């Protein structure tokens, strides 16, 4: 009888013992991806966390994918990946016809009890095709130059610096930039009879190519 009494107490203690909370061992990040031009939530965005980890006691130079997903109609994303030591973390968001965002993340912000929230704006792409043509006669000291003033490019292949041309020329090139923006530009023609500077602008709609022609 005594044994049965003790057993009843032990079973009761186990039944009423508060359950232990399972420790979270994952890192977590989430948010919403929006279109920068109209603030609409974007579906079909590939969202990934890239990690630079320790291998054989040293930090590697390359980034690998820690976690990834594709946003649905609500533009939301939520990523988890196992806890480990990182040298660096990046959040990468990409979608066709949008400028890819690569955002550095602060490694010290990530703890297993912290859910990082961050929203992302993706800019739609646009292309500007610049054409410079001078088929007439010119003097050795004659030149034409122009520069875009406020364009935002997604690579180092284009910039807002002066581009200068001498003599007879017929050339063109194309740059990818942020769409739905007014691009300001300045052009200057210098000849023996003329030295003029003109300021103007051109609208670059999203998902389109605009032509900027300079004839002189």
N, C-alpha and C. Protein backbone atom coordinates (compact mmCIF):
# COMPACT_ATOMS: atom_id res chain seq x y z
N UNK A 1 0.83 -1.20 0.00
CA UNK A 1 0.00 0.00 0.00
C UNK A 1 0.87 1.26 0.00
N UNK A 2 1.94 1.19 0.81
CA UNK A 2 2.85 2.33 0.88
C UNK A 2 3.51 2.57 -0.47
N UNK A 3 3.88 1.43 -1.14
CA UNK A 3 4.52 1.55 -2.45
C UNK A 3 3.58 2.20 -3.46
N UNK A 4 2.31 1.81 -3.45
CA UNK A 4 1.32 2.39 -4.34
C UNK A 4 1.15 3.88 -4.08
N UNK A 5 1.20 4.30 -2.81
CA UNK A 5 1.05 5.70 -2.43
C UNK A 5 2.20 6.53 -2.99
N UNK A 6 3.44 5.99 -2.84
CA UNK A 6 4.62 6.72 -3.34
C UNK A 6 4.57 6.83 -4.86
N UNK A 7 4.16 5.74 -5.53
CA UNK A 7 4.08 5.76 -6.98
C UNK A 7 3.07 6.78 -7.48
N UNK A 8 1.95 6.91 -6.75
CA UNK A 8 0.92 7.89 -7.12
C UNK A 8 1.46 9.31 -7.02
N UNK A 9 2.25 9.58 -6.00
CA UNK A 9 2.83 10.92 -5.81
C UNK A 9 3.80 11.24 -6.95
N UNK A 10 4.63 10.24 -7.30
CA UNK A 10 5.63 10.46 -8.37
C UNK A 10 4.95 10.73 -9.70
N UNK A 11 3.93 9.90 -10.04
CA UNK A 11 3.21 10.09 -11.29
C UNK A 11 2.52 11.44 -11.32
N UNK A 12 1.93 11.83 -10.21
CA UNK A 12 1.26 13.12 -10.15
C UNK A 12 2.22 14.27 -10.32
N UNK A 13 3.39 14.13 -9.73
CA UNK A 13 4.40 15.19 -9.87
C UNK A 13 4.85 15.34 -11.31
N UNK A 14 4.99 14.21 -12.01
CA UNK A 14 5.40 14.26 -13.42
C UNK A 14 4.32 14.90 -14.28
N UNK A 15 3.05 14.54 -14.00
CA UNK A 15 1.95 15.08 -14.79
C UNK A 15 1.80 16.58 -14.62
N UNK A 16 2.05 17.07 -13.43
CA UNK A 16 1.86 18.49 -13.16
C UNK A 16 3.15 19.30 -13.28
N UNK A 17 4.23 18.63 -13.63
CA UNK A 17 5.50 19.34 -13.80
C UNK A 17 5.41 20.23 -15.03
N UNK A 18 5.75 21.53 -14.93
CA UNK A 18 5.68 22.42 -16.10
C UNK A 18 6.60 21.94 -17.20
N UNK A 19 6.07 21.96 -18.43
CA UNK A 19 6.86 21.50 -19.56
C UNK A 19 8.00 22.47 -19.84
N UNK A 20 9.15 21.93 -20.20
CA UNK A 20 10.31 22.76 -20.51
C UNK A 20 10.16 23.35 -21.90
N UNK A 21 10.42 24.64 -22.02
CA UNK A 21 10.36 25.31 -23.31
C UNK A 21 11.57 24.92 -24.15
N UNK A 22 11.32 24.47 -25.38
CA UNK A 22 12.39 24.06 -26.27
C UNK A 22 13.20 25.28 -26.69
N UNK A 23 14.50 25.20 -26.51
CA UNK A 23 15.38 26.32 -26.85
C UNK A 23 15.47 26.47 -28.36
N UNK A 24 15.29 27.72 -28.83
CA UNK A 24 15.42 27.98 -30.26
C UNK A 24 16.89 28.05 -30.63
N UNK A 25 17.27 27.29 -31.65
CA UNK A 25 18.68 27.26 -32.08
C UNK A 25 18.88 27.84 -33.46
N UNK A 26 17.86 28.50 -34.00
CA UNK A 26 17.94 29.06 -35.35
C UNK A 26 18.04 30.58 -35.31
N UNK A 27 18.68 31.13 -36.35
CA UNK A 27 18.63 32.56 -36.58
C UNK A 27 17.45 32.86 -37.50
N UNK A 28 16.83 34.04 -37.32
CA UNK A 28 15.59 34.33 -38.05
C UNK A 28 15.58 35.78 -38.53
N UNK A 29 15.05 35.96 -39.75
CA UNK A 29 14.87 37.31 -40.30
C UNK A 29 13.62 37.30 -41.17
N UNK A 30 12.90 38.42 -41.19
CA UNK A 30 11.69 38.51 -41.99
C UNK A 30 11.39 39.95 -42.35
N UNK A 31 10.42 40.13 -43.24
CA UNK A 31 10.02 41.47 -43.66
C UNK A 31 9.14 41.41 -44.88
N UNK A 32 9.03 42.55 -45.56
CA UNK A 32 8.20 42.67 -46.76
C UNK A 32 9.02 43.37 -47.83
N UNK A 33 8.87 42.91 -49.09
CA UNK A 33 9.55 43.55 -50.22
C UNK A 33 8.53 44.40 -50.98
N UNK A 34 8.87 45.68 -51.20
CA UNK A 34 7.99 46.62 -51.89
C UNK A 34 8.65 47.11 -53.18
N UNK A 35 7.82 47.56 -54.12
CA UNK A 35 8.32 48.26 -55.29
C UNK A 35 8.55 49.72 -54.91
N UNK A 36 9.74 50.24 -55.20
CA UNK A 36 10.09 51.59 -54.76
C UNK A 36 9.29 52.67 -55.48
N UNK A 37 8.80 52.39 -56.69
CA UNK A 37 8.13 53.45 -57.44
C UNK A 37 6.66 53.63 -57.05
N UNK A 38 5.98 52.55 -56.62
CA UNK A 38 4.55 52.69 -56.26
C UNK A 38 4.21 52.11 -54.90
N UNK A 39 5.21 51.59 -54.18
CA UNK A 39 5.06 51.02 -52.82
C UNK A 39 4.17 49.78 -52.80
N UNK A 40 3.92 49.16 -53.95
CA UNK A 40 3.17 47.91 -53.97
C UNK A 40 4.03 46.77 -53.43
N UNK A 41 3.38 45.80 -52.78
CA UNK A 41 4.09 44.62 -52.32
C UNK A 41 4.42 43.74 -53.52
N UNK A 42 5.64 43.21 -53.54
CA UNK A 42 6.14 42.49 -54.71
C UNK A 42 6.15 40.98 -54.49
N UNK A 43 5.49 40.27 -55.39
CA UNK A 43 5.57 38.82 -55.38
C UNK A 43 6.69 38.37 -56.32
N UNK A 44 7.08 37.11 -56.21
CA UNK A 44 8.08 36.56 -57.11
C UNK A 44 9.49 37.07 -56.89
N UNK A 45 9.76 37.65 -55.73
CA UNK A 45 11.11 38.13 -55.41
C UNK A 45 11.90 37.00 -54.75
N UNK A 46 13.07 36.72 -55.27
CA UNK A 46 13.94 35.73 -54.66
C UNK A 46 14.71 36.41 -53.53
N UNK A 47 14.47 35.95 -52.30
CA UNK A 47 15.11 36.52 -51.11
C UNK A 47 16.05 35.47 -50.53
N UNK A 48 17.27 35.87 -50.26
CA UNK A 48 18.26 34.92 -49.73
C UNK A 48 19.14 35.61 -48.70
N UNK A 49 19.54 34.85 -47.70
CA UNK A 49 20.58 35.29 -46.77
C UNK A 49 21.86 34.58 -47.17
N UNK A 50 22.89 35.37 -47.43
CA UNK A 50 24.20 34.84 -47.79
C UNK A 50 25.12 34.93 -46.57
N UNK A 51 25.89 33.89 -46.34
CA UNK A 51 26.75 33.83 -45.16
C UNK A 51 28.21 33.61 -45.55
N UNK A 52 29.08 34.22 -44.76
CA UNK A 52 30.52 34.00 -44.87
C UNK A 52 30.92 33.31 -43.57
N UNK A 53 31.28 32.05 -43.64
CA UNK A 53 31.43 31.25 -42.43
C UNK A 53 32.88 30.85 -42.19
N UNK A 54 33.08 30.20 -41.03
CA UNK A 54 34.40 29.71 -40.65
C UNK A 54 34.58 28.30 -41.21
N UNK A 55 35.70 28.08 -41.88
CA UNK A 55 36.04 26.75 -42.39
C UNK A 55 37.49 26.45 -42.03
N UNK A 56 37.71 25.35 -41.33
CA UNK A 56 39.06 24.95 -40.90
C UNK A 56 39.73 26.04 -40.07
N UNK A 57 38.94 26.71 -39.26
CA UNK A 57 39.49 27.71 -38.35
C UNK A 57 39.68 29.08 -38.93
N UNK A 58 39.37 29.28 -40.22
CA UNK A 58 39.51 30.60 -40.84
C UNK A 58 38.24 30.97 -41.57
N UNK A 59 38.02 32.28 -41.76
CA UNK A 59 36.86 32.75 -42.48
C UNK A 59 37.09 32.62 -43.98
N UNK A 60 36.12 32.06 -44.67
CA UNK A 60 36.22 31.91 -46.12
C UNK A 60 35.97 33.25 -46.81
N UNK A 61 36.46 33.39 -48.05
CA UNK A 61 36.27 34.63 -48.80
C UNK A 61 34.94 34.66 -49.55
N UNK A 62 34.36 33.51 -49.78
CA UNK A 62 33.13 33.44 -50.57
C UNK A 62 31.90 33.36 -49.67
N UNK A 63 30.75 33.75 -50.27
CA UNK A 63 29.47 33.68 -49.57
C UNK A 63 28.68 32.49 -50.10
N UNK A 64 28.02 31.79 -49.19
CA UNK A 64 27.12 30.71 -49.56
C UNK A 64 25.72 31.03 -49.04
N UNK A 65 24.72 30.34 -49.56
CA UNK A 65 23.34 30.61 -49.17
C UNK A 65 23.02 29.92 -47.85
N UNK A 66 22.57 30.72 -46.88
CA UNK A 66 22.13 30.17 -45.60
C UNK A 66 20.67 29.76 -45.66
N UNK A 67 19.84 30.56 -46.33
CA UNK A 67 18.41 30.27 -46.48
C UNK A 67 17.86 31.12 -47.61
N UNK A 68 16.81 30.65 -48.27
CA UNK A 68 16.22 31.41 -49.37
C UNK A 68 14.75 31.04 -49.53
N UNK A 69 14.01 31.92 -50.18
CA UNK A 69 12.60 31.68 -50.49
C UNK A 69 12.16 32.69 -51.55
N UNK A 70 10.95 32.51 -52.09
CA UNK A 70 10.36 33.42 -53.05
C UNK A 70 9.10 34.03 -52.45
N UNK A 71 8.96 35.35 -52.55
CA UNK A 71 7.81 36.02 -51.93
C UNK A 71 6.52 35.69 -52.68
N UNK A 72 5.42 35.63 -51.94
CA UNK A 72 4.09 35.42 -52.51
C UNK A 72 3.44 36.78 -52.75
N UNK A 73 2.11 36.81 -52.90
CA UNK A 73 1.41 38.05 -53.24
C UNK A 73 1.54 39.13 -52.17
N UNK A 74 1.76 38.73 -50.92
CA UNK A 74 1.87 39.72 -49.84
C UNK A 74 3.28 40.29 -49.73
N UNK A 75 4.20 39.84 -50.58
CA UNK A 75 5.56 40.36 -50.57
C UNK A 75 6.39 39.97 -49.36
N UNK A 76 5.82 39.14 -48.48
CA UNK A 76 6.50 38.83 -47.23
C UNK A 76 7.53 37.72 -47.37
N UNK A 77 8.51 37.77 -46.49
CA UNK A 77 9.51 36.70 -46.42
C UNK A 77 9.87 36.43 -44.96
N UNK A 78 10.20 35.20 -44.68
CA UNK A 78 10.63 34.78 -43.34
C UNK A 78 11.62 33.65 -43.51
N UNK A 79 12.84 33.85 -43.06
CA UNK A 79 13.92 32.90 -43.27
C UNK A 79 14.52 32.47 -41.94
N UNK A 80 14.83 31.20 -41.81
CA UNK A 80 15.54 30.67 -40.65
C UNK A 80 16.68 29.80 -41.12
N UNK A 81 17.74 29.74 -40.32
CA UNK A 81 18.87 28.88 -40.63
C UNK A 81 19.61 28.56 -39.33
N UNK A 82 20.32 27.42 -39.28
CA UNK A 82 20.95 26.98 -38.04
C UNK A 82 22.01 27.94 -37.53
N UNK A 83 22.12 27.99 -36.24
CA UNK A 83 23.11 28.84 -35.58
C UNK A 83 24.52 28.35 -35.89
N UNK A 84 25.41 29.29 -36.23
CA UNK A 84 26.82 29.01 -36.44
C UNK A 84 27.59 30.33 -36.44
N UNK A 85 28.90 30.26 -36.50
CA UNK A 85 29.71 31.46 -36.49
C UNK A 85 29.81 32.05 -37.90
N UNK A 86 29.59 33.38 -37.99
CA UNK A 86 29.65 34.07 -39.27
C UNK A 86 30.68 35.18 -39.22
N UNK A 87 31.37 35.36 -40.36
CA UNK A 87 32.21 36.54 -40.51
C UNK A 87 31.38 37.70 -41.04
N UNK A 88 30.38 37.40 -41.89
CA UNK A 88 29.53 38.43 -42.48
C UNK A 88 28.24 37.79 -42.97
N UNK A 89 27.21 38.62 -43.04
CA UNK A 89 25.91 38.19 -43.55
C UNK A 89 25.39 39.24 -44.52
N UNK A 90 24.71 38.79 -45.58
CA UNK A 90 24.08 39.68 -46.54
C UNK A 90 22.65 39.22 -46.81
N UNK A 91 21.76 40.21 -47.00
CA UNK A 91 20.41 39.94 -47.47
C UNK A 91 20.36 40.33 -48.94
N UNK A 92 20.01 39.38 -49.81
CA UNK A 92 20.00 39.62 -51.26
C UNK A 92 18.58 39.42 -51.77
N UNK A 93 18.03 40.44 -52.45
CA UNK A 93 16.68 40.37 -53.01
C UNK A 93 16.77 40.67 -54.51
N UNK A 94 16.21 39.78 -55.32
CA UNK A 94 16.31 39.95 -56.77
C UNK A 94 15.02 39.53 -57.45
N UNK A 95 14.73 40.22 -58.55
CA UNK A 95 13.55 39.92 -59.36
C UNK A 95 13.82 40.45 -60.76
N UNK A 96 13.35 39.72 -61.78
CA UNK A 96 13.53 40.18 -63.15
C UNK A 96 12.97 41.58 -63.34
N UNK A 97 13.73 42.42 -64.04
CA UNK A 97 13.37 43.81 -64.36
C UNK A 97 13.40 44.74 -63.15
N UNK A 98 14.05 44.29 -62.08
CA UNK A 98 14.27 45.14 -60.91
C UNK A 98 15.76 45.14 -60.57
N UNK A 99 16.20 46.22 -59.92
CA UNK A 99 17.60 46.33 -59.51
C UNK A 99 17.80 45.50 -58.26
N UNK A 100 18.73 44.56 -58.30
CA UNK A 100 19.00 43.69 -57.16
C UNK A 100 19.50 44.50 -55.96
N UNK A 101 19.00 44.15 -54.78
CA UNK A 101 19.45 44.77 -53.54
C UNK A 101 20.34 43.78 -52.80
N UNK A 102 21.53 44.21 -52.43
CA UNK A 102 22.44 43.44 -51.59
C UNK A 102 22.73 44.27 -50.34
N UNK A 103 22.18 43.85 -49.23
CA UNK A 103 22.26 44.63 -47.99
C UNK A 103 23.09 43.88 -46.96
N UNK A 104 24.14 44.54 -46.45
CA UNK A 104 24.94 43.95 -45.38
C UNK A 104 24.13 43.93 -44.08
N UNK A 105 24.22 42.82 -43.36
CA UNK A 105 23.53 42.67 -42.09
C UNK A 105 24.55 42.68 -40.96
N UNK A 106 24.18 43.24 -39.83
CA UNK A 106 25.07 43.28 -38.67
C UNK A 106 25.03 41.92 -37.98
N UNK A 107 26.15 41.22 -37.99
CA UNK A 107 26.21 39.89 -37.40
C UNK A 107 25.83 39.91 -35.93
N UNK A 108 26.22 40.97 -35.22
CA UNK A 108 25.96 41.05 -33.78
C UNK A 108 24.47 41.18 -33.46
N UNK A 109 23.64 41.53 -34.46
CA UNK A 109 22.20 41.62 -34.21
C UNK A 109 21.54 40.26 -34.11
N UNK A 110 22.21 39.24 -34.61
CA UNK A 110 21.59 37.92 -34.69
C UNK A 110 21.90 37.09 -33.45
N UNK A 111 20.84 36.82 -32.70
CA UNK A 111 20.89 35.89 -31.58
C UNK A 111 19.71 34.95 -31.73
N UNK A 112 19.76 33.83 -31.05
CA UNK A 112 18.70 32.83 -31.22
C UNK A 112 17.37 33.26 -30.62
N UNK A 113 17.36 34.31 -29.80
CA UNK A 113 16.10 34.79 -29.24
C UNK A 113 15.65 36.11 -29.88
N UNK A 114 16.24 36.47 -31.02
CA UNK A 114 15.92 37.74 -31.67
C UNK A 114 15.47 37.49 -33.09
N UNK A 115 14.26 37.97 -33.43
CA UNK A 115 13.73 37.87 -34.79
C UNK A 115 13.94 39.21 -35.47
N UNK A 116 14.84 39.27 -36.44
CA UNK A 116 15.17 40.51 -37.13
C UNK A 116 14.09 40.83 -38.15
N UNK A 117 13.56 42.07 -38.10
CA UNK A 117 12.56 42.52 -39.06
C UNK A 117 13.16 43.64 -39.92
N UNK A 118 13.07 43.50 -41.23
CA UNK A 118 13.57 44.53 -42.14
C UNK A 118 12.80 44.47 -43.44
N UNK A 119 12.34 45.62 -43.92
CA UNK A 119 11.66 45.71 -45.20
C UNK A 119 12.64 46.14 -46.29
N UNK A 120 12.31 45.81 -47.53
CA UNK A 120 13.22 46.07 -48.65
C UNK A 120 12.45 46.76 -49.77
N UNK A 121 13.07 47.77 -50.38
CA UNK A 121 12.52 48.45 -51.55
C UNK A 121 13.33 48.05 -52.79
N UNK A 122 12.64 47.52 -53.80
CA UNK A 122 13.30 47.21 -55.07
C UNK A 122 12.91 48.25 -56.11
N UNK A 123 13.91 48.80 -56.79
CA UNK A 123 13.67 49.79 -57.83
C UNK A 123 13.52 49.10 -59.18
N UNK A 124 12.47 49.46 -59.94
CA UNK A 124 12.33 48.91 -61.29
C UNK A 124 13.45 49.43 -62.18
N UNK A 125 13.86 48.62 -63.15
CA UNK A 125 14.94 49.01 -64.03
C UNK A 125 14.44 49.84 -65.20
N UNK A 126 15.36 50.60 -65.76
CA UNK A 126 15.14 51.33 -67.00
C UNK A 126 16.47 51.37 -67.72
N UNK A 127 16.42 51.62 -69.03
CA UNK A 127 17.66 51.72 -69.81
C UNK A 127 17.66 53.05 -70.55
N UNK A 128 18.82 53.68 -70.59
CA UNK A 128 18.99 54.88 -71.39
C UNK A 128 20.06 54.59 -72.45
N UNK A 129 19.70 54.87 -73.70
CA UNK A 129 20.61 54.64 -74.83
C UNK A 129 21.05 56.00 -75.35
N UNK A 130 22.33 56.29 -75.18
CA UNK A 130 22.89 57.58 -75.58
C UNK A 130 23.54 57.44 -76.96
N UNK A 131 23.18 58.36 -77.86
CA UNK A 131 23.73 58.35 -79.22
C UNK A 131 24.35 59.70 -79.51
N UNK A 132 25.63 59.71 -79.85
CA UNK A 132 26.35 60.94 -80.18
C UNK A 132 26.76 60.88 -81.65
N UNK A 133 26.39 61.91 -82.39
CA UNK A 133 26.66 61.91 -83.83
C UNK A 133 27.14 63.29 -84.30
N UNK A 134 28.29 63.30 -84.94
CA UNK A 134 28.80 64.50 -85.60
C UNK A 134 29.40 64.06 -86.93
N UNK A 135 28.63 64.24 -87.97
CA UNK A 135 29.08 63.79 -89.29
C UNK A 135 29.62 64.95 -90.13
N UNK A 136 29.61 66.15 -89.56
CA UNK A 136 30.08 67.31 -90.32
C UNK A 136 31.57 67.53 -90.15
N UNK A 137 32.05 68.61 -90.72
CA UNK A 137 33.46 68.96 -90.59
C UNK A 137 33.68 69.64 -89.25
N UNK A 138 34.86 69.48 -88.69
CA UNK A 138 35.18 70.09 -87.40
C UNK A 138 36.66 70.44 -87.36
N UNK A 139 36.99 71.37 -86.52
CA UNK A 139 38.37 71.77 -86.29
C UNK A 139 38.98 70.89 -85.19
N UNK A 140 40.31 70.78 -85.16
CA UNK A 140 40.96 69.92 -84.16
C UNK A 140 40.59 70.27 -82.72
N UNK A 141 40.32 71.55 -82.46
CA UNK A 141 40.02 71.95 -81.09
C UNK A 141 38.54 71.88 -80.76
N UNK A 142 37.70 71.57 -81.74
CA UNK A 142 36.26 71.46 -81.47
C UNK A 142 35.98 70.19 -80.65
N UNK A 143 35.04 70.30 -79.75
CA UNK A 143 34.65 69.10 -79.01
C UNK A 143 33.21 69.23 -78.49
N UNK A 144 32.66 68.09 -78.14
CA UNK A 144 31.34 68.00 -77.53
C UNK A 144 31.48 67.16 -76.26
N UNK A 145 30.81 67.59 -75.22
CA UNK A 145 30.81 66.78 -74.01
C UNK A 145 29.46 66.88 -73.32
N UNK A 146 29.15 65.88 -72.52
CA UNK A 146 27.89 65.86 -71.78
C UNK A 146 28.10 65.05 -70.50
N UNK A 147 27.16 65.21 -69.58
CA UNK A 147 27.15 64.36 -68.39
C UNK A 147 25.73 64.24 -67.85
N UNK A 148 25.41 63.06 -67.37
CA UNK A 148 24.19 62.86 -66.60
C UNK A 148 24.47 63.32 -65.18
N UNK A 149 23.47 63.91 -64.54
CA UNK A 149 23.73 64.56 -63.26
C UNK A 149 23.26 63.74 -62.07
N UNK A 150 22.08 63.17 -62.15
CA UNK A 150 21.49 62.53 -60.97
C UNK A 150 21.11 61.07 -61.20
N UNK A 151 21.66 60.45 -62.24
CA UNK A 151 21.30 59.07 -62.54
C UNK A 151 21.86 58.12 -61.49
N UNK A 152 21.07 57.11 -61.14
CA UNK A 152 21.52 56.05 -60.23
C UNK A 152 21.65 54.77 -61.03
N UNK A 153 22.89 54.27 -61.10
CA UNK A 153 23.17 53.07 -61.88
C UNK A 153 23.33 51.88 -60.95
N UNK A 154 23.20 50.68 -61.53
CA UNK A 154 23.36 49.47 -60.72
C UNK A 154 24.72 48.83 -60.93
N UNK A 155 25.62 49.50 -61.63
CA UNK A 155 26.96 48.95 -61.84
C UNK A 155 27.93 50.12 -62.02
N UNK A 156 29.23 49.78 -62.06
CA UNK A 156 30.27 50.79 -62.24
C UNK A 156 30.59 51.07 -63.70
N UNK A 157 29.85 50.41 -64.62
CA UNK A 157 30.13 50.59 -66.04
C UNK A 157 29.67 51.96 -66.53
N UNK A 158 28.77 52.60 -65.81
CA UNK A 158 28.29 53.95 -66.17
C UNK A 158 28.45 54.85 -64.95
N UNK A 159 28.57 56.14 -65.21
CA UNK A 159 28.69 57.09 -64.10
C UNK A 159 28.15 58.44 -64.55
N UNK A 160 28.18 59.41 -63.64
CA UNK A 160 27.67 60.75 -63.91
C UNK A 160 28.77 61.74 -64.30
N UNK A 161 29.93 61.23 -64.65
CA UNK A 161 31.02 62.13 -65.03
C UNK A 161 30.90 62.62 -66.46
N UNK A 162 31.74 63.59 -66.80
CA UNK A 162 31.76 64.14 -68.15
C UNK A 162 32.24 63.09 -69.15
N UNK A 163 31.59 63.06 -70.33
CA UNK A 163 32.03 62.25 -71.46
C UNK A 163 32.35 63.22 -72.60
N UNK A 164 33.57 63.18 -73.11
CA UNK A 164 34.01 64.17 -74.09
C UNK A 164 34.38 63.49 -75.41
N UNK A 165 34.00 64.16 -76.53
CA UNK A 165 34.19 63.59 -77.86
C UNK A 165 34.77 64.66 -78.79
N UNK A 166 35.69 64.25 -79.65
CA UNK A 166 36.35 65.16 -80.58
C UNK A 166 36.18 64.66 -82.01
N UNK A 167 36.10 65.60 -82.95
CA UNK A 167 36.09 65.26 -84.37
C UNK A 167 34.79 64.63 -84.82
N UNK A 168 34.85 63.99 -85.98
CA UNK A 168 33.68 63.33 -86.55
C UNK A 168 33.45 62.01 -85.80
N UNK A 169 32.22 61.83 -85.33
CA UNK A 169 31.96 60.66 -84.49
C UNK A 169 30.51 60.21 -84.66
N UNK A 170 30.29 58.91 -84.55
CA UNK A 170 28.95 58.34 -84.55
C UNK A 170 29.01 57.10 -83.65
N UNK A 171 28.59 57.26 -82.39
CA UNK A 171 28.70 56.18 -81.43
C UNK A 171 27.51 56.18 -80.48
N UNK A 172 27.29 55.07 -79.85
CA UNK A 172 26.20 54.97 -78.88
C UNK A 172 26.54 53.92 -77.84
N UNK A 173 25.91 54.04 -76.68
CA UNK A 173 26.05 53.03 -75.64
C UNK A 173 24.81 53.06 -74.77
N UNK A 174 24.63 52.02 -73.97
CA UNK A 174 23.41 51.86 -73.19
C UNK A 174 23.76 51.58 -71.73
N UNK A 175 22.98 52.17 -70.82
CA UNK A 175 23.19 51.96 -69.39
C UNK A 175 21.89 51.57 -68.71
N UNK A 176 22.00 50.70 -67.73
CA UNK A 176 20.85 50.29 -66.91
C UNK A 176 20.82 51.17 -65.67
N UNK A 177 19.64 51.72 -65.38
CA UNK A 177 19.52 52.61 -64.23
C UNK A 177 18.15 52.46 -63.58
N UNK A 178 17.93 53.23 -62.52
CA UNK A 178 16.67 53.16 -61.79
C UNK A 178 15.56 53.79 -62.61
N UNK A 179 14.44 53.07 -62.76
CA UNK A 179 13.34 53.54 -63.59
C UNK A 179 12.40 54.48 -62.87
N UNK A 180 11.50 55.07 -63.67
CA UNK A 180 10.52 56.05 -63.17
C UNK A 180 11.19 57.24 -62.51
N UNK A 181 12.20 57.77 -63.18
CA UNK A 181 12.91 58.94 -62.67
C UNK A 181 13.19 59.93 -63.79
N UNK A 182 13.24 61.21 -63.43
CA UNK A 182 13.70 62.25 -64.35
C UNK A 182 15.22 62.32 -64.23
N UNK A 183 15.90 62.12 -65.34
CA UNK A 183 17.35 62.20 -65.36
C UNK A 183 17.77 63.55 -65.92
N UNK A 184 18.49 64.32 -65.11
CA UNK A 184 19.00 65.61 -65.54
C UNK A 184 20.34 65.41 -66.25
N UNK A 185 20.59 66.24 -67.26
CA UNK A 185 21.87 66.16 -67.94
C UNK A 185 22.29 67.53 -68.43
N UNK A 186 23.58 67.65 -68.69
CA UNK A 186 24.18 68.89 -69.18
C UNK A 186 25.00 68.56 -70.41
N UNK A 187 24.91 69.40 -71.45
CA UNK A 187 25.71 69.20 -72.65
C UNK A 187 26.38 70.51 -73.04
N UNK A 188 27.57 70.37 -73.61
CA UNK A 188 28.35 71.54 -74.01
C UNK A 188 28.96 71.30 -75.38
N UNK A 189 28.80 72.28 -76.25
CA UNK A 189 29.40 72.24 -77.59
C UNK A 189 30.41 73.39 -77.68
N UNK A 190 31.63 73.06 -78.04
CA UNK A 190 32.68 74.07 -78.17
C UNK A 190 33.27 73.98 -79.57
N UNK A 191 33.10 75.06 -80.36
CA UNK A 191 33.71 75.16 -81.69
C UNK A 191 34.36 76.53 -81.81
N UNK A 192 34.94 76.81 -82.97
CA UNK A 192 35.55 78.13 -83.17
C UNK A 192 34.49 79.23 -83.15
N UNK A 193 33.24 78.89 -83.45
CA UNK A 193 32.18 79.90 -83.50
C UNK A 193 31.17 79.80 -82.35
N UNK A 194 31.28 78.74 -81.54
CA UNK A 194 30.21 78.49 -80.57
C UNK A 194 30.77 77.86 -79.30
N UNK A 195 30.27 78.33 -78.19
CA UNK A 195 30.55 77.70 -76.89
C UNK A 195 29.27 77.80 -76.07
N UNK A 196 28.52 76.73 -76.05
CA UNK A 196 27.21 76.79 -75.41
C UNK A 196 27.02 75.61 -74.46
N UNK A 197 26.35 75.89 -73.35
CA UNK A 197 26.02 74.87 -72.35
C UNK A 197 24.51 74.83 -72.21
N UNK A 198 23.94 73.64 -72.30
CA UNK A 198 22.48 73.48 -72.21
C UNK A 198 22.17 72.45 -71.12
N UNK A 199 21.24 72.81 -70.24
CA UNK A 199 20.75 71.89 -69.22
C UNK A 199 19.37 71.38 -69.61
N UNK A 200 19.15 70.10 -69.43
CA UNK A 200 17.86 69.52 -69.81
C UNK A 200 17.62 68.28 -68.95
N UNK A 201 16.51 67.60 -69.19
CA UNK A 201 16.20 66.37 -68.47
C UNK A 201 15.40 65.45 -69.37
N UNK A 202 15.36 64.17 -68.99
CA UNK A 202 14.63 63.18 -69.76
C UNK A 202 13.97 62.20 -68.80
N UNK A 203 12.73 61.81 -69.08
CA UNK A 203 11.99 60.88 -68.24
C UNK A 203 12.36 59.45 -68.63
N UNK A 204 12.72 58.64 -67.64
CA UNK A 204 13.09 57.25 -67.87
C UNK A 204 12.06 56.34 -67.20
N UNK A 205 11.02 55.93 -67.94
CA UNK A 205 9.97 55.09 -67.33
C UNK A 205 10.49 53.69 -67.01
N UNK A 206 9.87 53.08 -66.02
CA UNK A 206 10.26 51.72 -65.63
C UNK A 206 10.03 50.74 -66.77
N UNK A 207 10.91 49.75 -66.86
CA UNK A 207 10.80 48.64 -67.79
C UNK A 207 10.86 49.08 -69.26
N UNK A 208 11.50 50.21 -69.52
CA UNK A 208 11.57 50.74 -70.88
C UNK A 208 12.98 51.22 -71.19
N UNK A 209 13.22 51.45 -72.50
CA UNK A 209 14.47 52.04 -72.95
C UNK A 209 14.18 53.38 -73.61
N UNK A 210 14.88 54.42 -73.18
CA UNK A 210 14.71 55.75 -73.78
C UNK A 210 15.98 56.11 -74.54
N UNK A 211 15.80 56.88 -75.59
CA UNK A 211 16.93 57.31 -76.42
C UNK A 211 17.26 58.77 -76.13
N UNK A 212 18.52 59.02 -75.91
CA UNK A 212 19.03 60.38 -75.73
C UNK A 212 20.01 60.65 -76.86
N UNK A 213 19.57 61.45 -77.84
CA UNK A 213 20.35 61.70 -79.05
C UNK A 213 21.02 63.07 -78.98
N UNK A 214 22.30 63.09 -79.25
CA UNK A 214 23.06 64.34 -79.35
C UNK A 214 23.58 64.47 -80.78
N UNK A 215 23.02 65.42 -81.53
CA UNK A 215 23.47 65.71 -82.90
C UNK A 215 24.11 67.09 -82.89
N UNK A 216 25.30 67.19 -83.45
CA UNK A 216 25.96 68.50 -83.47
C UNK A 216 26.90 68.59 -84.66
